[in-house]
């Protein structure tokens, strides 16, 4: 089947939009990292999962848009879309999300600190009483000299 110039241009623009969607997916992964504060190992695995996911999604996109024919302009369009999103909205979205998440974390911590602390369970009272009673009994037995 012949691919016309209009098909190529429209596929390029679709791939630019798809590249921006891949950037949004990366921001979702970053925001999840801000919420849970991953260690370096978990960040490594998060990145592996992200790149595997975008690899599969890119393959499915190429199959859907261009019947599986790999064209350089499709990959270039994805890259251009990702770069445009990342350097325009991407950084701002992650920064704003980080501010909002930190605000809610601090607010939640303040609310927790204002709540009354739970009282000691009855077990500790029983343990304290048991210790006093046993000390009294042993001292009494020593005085009586009954072991």
Protein backbone atom coordinates (compact mmCIF):
# COMPACT_ATOMS: atom_id res chain seq x y z
CA UNK A 1 0.00 0.00 0.00
CA UNK A 2 1.28 3.42 -0.87
CA UNK A 3 1.72 6.01 1.88
CA UNK A 4 0.92 9.50 0.68
CA UNK A 5 2.50 12.72 1.92
CA UNK A 6 -0.72 13.71 3.71
CA UNK A 7 -0.71 10.35 5.54
CA UNK A 8 2.89 10.91 6.59
CA UNK A 9 2.18 14.43 7.86
CA UNK A 10 -0.91 13.34 9.77
CA UNK A 11 0.97 10.36 11.25
CA UNK A 12 3.75 12.74 12.31
CA UNK A 13 1.28 15.02 14.10
CA UNK A 14 -0.44 12.05 15.73
CA UNK A 15 2.94 10.85 16.93
CA UNK A 16 3.72 14.32 18.38
CA UNK A 17 0.48 14.13 20.38
CA UNK A 18 1.31 10.56 21.41
CA UNK A 19 4.78 11.70 22.55
CA UNK A 20 3.11 14.30 24.80
CA UNK A 21 0.91 11.53 26.24
CA UNK A 22 4.07 9.54 27.00
CA UNK A 23 5.38 12.61 28.84
CA UNK A 24 2.18 12.75 30.89
CA UNK A 25 2.64 9.08 31.81
CA UNK A 26 6.18 9.88 33.01
CA UNK A 27 4.82 12.70 35.16
CA UNK A 28 2.31 10.30 36.71
CA UNK A 29 5.19 7.98 37.58
CA UNK A 30 7.13 10.93 39.07
CA UNK A 31 4.16 12.08 41.14
CA UNK A 32 3.71 8.57 42.53
CA UNK A 33 7.40 8.72 43.46
CA UNK A 34 6.84 12.01 45.29
CA UNK A 35 3.94 10.52 47.24
CA UNK A 36 5.77 7.37 48.35
CA UNK A 37 9.42 8.61 48.32
CA UNK A 38 11.08 5.69 46.60
CA UNK A 39 14.62 4.56 47.29
CA UNK A 40 17.20 4.56 44.48
CA UNK A 41 16.56 0.89 43.73
CA UNK A 42 12.83 1.46 43.44
CA UNK A 43 13.40 4.49 41.21
CA UNK A 44 15.54 2.28 38.97
CA UNK A 45 12.73 -0.29 38.70
CA UNK A 46 10.16 2.46 38.19
CA UNK A 47 12.19 3.70 35.22
CA UNK A 48 12.52 0.17 33.82
CA UNK A 49 8.74 -0.24 34.07
CA UNK A 50 8.19 3.15 32.42
CA UNK A 51 10.49 2.42 29.47
CA UNK A 52 8.99 -1.04 29.02
CA UNK A 53 5.51 0.48 29.07
CA UNK A 54 6.32 3.18 26.52
CA UNK A 55 8.03 0.59 24.33
CA UNK A 56 4.87 -1.52 24.24
CA UNK A 57 2.64 1.55 23.81
CA UNK A 58 4.83 2.87 20.97
CA UNK A 59 4.67 -0.50 19.23
CA UNK A 60 0.88 -0.56 19.54
CA UNK A 61 0.70 3.05 18.33
CA UNK A 62 2.78 2.24 15.23
CA UNK A 63 0.61 -0.80 14.51
CA UNK A 64 -2.56 1.30 14.84
CA UNK A 65 -1.39 4.35 12.89
CA UNK A 66 0.87 2.94 10.20
CA UNK A 67 -0.11 -0.76 10.03
CA UNK A 68 3.09 -1.74 11.83
CA UNK A 69 5.48 -0.13 9.36
CA UNK A 70 8.24 1.53 11.33
CA UNK A 71 9.03 4.99 10.00
CA UNK A 72 11.64 7.38 11.35
CA UNK A 73 9.23 10.32 11.29
CA UNK A 74 6.90 8.51 13.71
CA UNK A 75 9.68 7.93 16.25
CA UNK A 76 10.92 11.50 15.69
CA UNK A 77 7.38 12.82 16.22
CA UNK A 78 7.08 10.93 19.51
CA UNK A 79 10.42 12.35 20.63
CA UNK A 80 9.45 15.89 19.61
CA UNK A 81 6.09 15.62 21.40
CA UNK A 82 7.73 14.27 24.54
CA UNK A 83 10.38 17.03 24.54
CA UNK A 84 7.82 19.80 23.93
CA UNK A 85 5.59 18.54 26.74
CA UNK A 86 8.50 17.97 29.13
CA UNK A 87 10.00 21.44 28.73
CA UNK A 88 6.70 23.35 28.67
CA UNK A 89 4.11 21.76 30.95
CA UNK A 90 5.90 18.74 32.37
CA UNK A 91 8.22 20.51 34.80
CA UNK A 92 5.44 22.82 35.97
CA UNK A 93 3.00 19.96 36.56
CA UNK A 94 5.46 17.99 38.68
CA UNK A 95 6.46 21.08 40.70
CA UNK A 96 2.84 22.04 41.39
CA UNK A 97 1.91 18.46 42.25
CA UNK A 98 4.89 18.26 44.62
CA UNK A 99 3.78 21.46 46.37
CA UNK A 100 0.21 20.20 46.71
CA UNK A 101 1.30 16.77 47.97
CA UNK A 102 3.70 18.29 50.52
CA UNK A 103 0.97 20.68 51.70
CA UNK A 104 -1.43 17.78 52.29
CA UNK A 105 1.27 15.72 54.01
CA UNK A 106 2.10 18.62 56.40
CA UNK A 107 -1.58 19.32 57.04
CA UNK A 108 -2.25 15.66 57.78
CA UNK A 109 0.75 15.55 60.14
CA UNK A 110 -0.50 18.66 62.00
CA UNK A 111 -3.94 17.09 62.37
CA UNK A 112 -2.38 13.90 63.73
CA UNK A 113 -0.30 15.86 66.23
CA UNK A 114 -3.40 17.73 67.47
CA UNK A 115 -5.26 14.51 68.21
CA UNK A 116 -5.02 13.28 71.79
CA UNK A 117 -2.52 10.54 72.37
CA UNK A 118 -4.07 7.18 73.18
CA UNK A 119 -3.93 6.09 76.81
CA UNK A 120 -1.92 3.10 77.89
CA UNK A 121 -3.86 -0.13 77.61
CA UNK A 122 -5.02 -1.94 80.72
CA UNK A 123 -2.27 -4.49 80.20
CA UNK A 124 0.36 -2.02 81.41
CA UNK A 125 -1.64 -1.33 84.58
CA UNK A 126 -1.93 -5.05 85.25
CA UNK A 127 1.80 -5.52 84.61
CA UNK A 128 2.63 -2.67 87.00
CA UNK A 129 0.33 -4.12 89.67
CA UNK A 130 1.79 -7.60 89.14
CA UNK A 131 5.30 -6.26 89.63
CA UNK A 132 4.35 -4.51 92.89
CA UNK A 133 2.49 -7.56 94.17
CA UNK A 134 5.30 -9.96 93.35
CA UNK A 135 7.89 -7.67 94.97
CA UNK A 136 5.74 -7.46 98.09
CA UNK A 137 5.27 -11.24 98.18
CA UNK A 138 8.98 -12.00 97.76
CA UNK A 139 9.96 -9.50 100.43
CA UNK A 140 7.35 -10.97 102.81
CA UNK A 141 8.54 -14.50 102.08
CA UNK A 142 12.12 -13.51 102.78
CA UNK A 143 11.12 -12.03 106.11
CA UNK A 144 9.29 -15.23 107.03
CA UNK A 145 12.21 -17.25 105.59
CA UNK A 146 10.00 -19.44 103.48
CA UNK A 147 11.40 -20.12 100.11
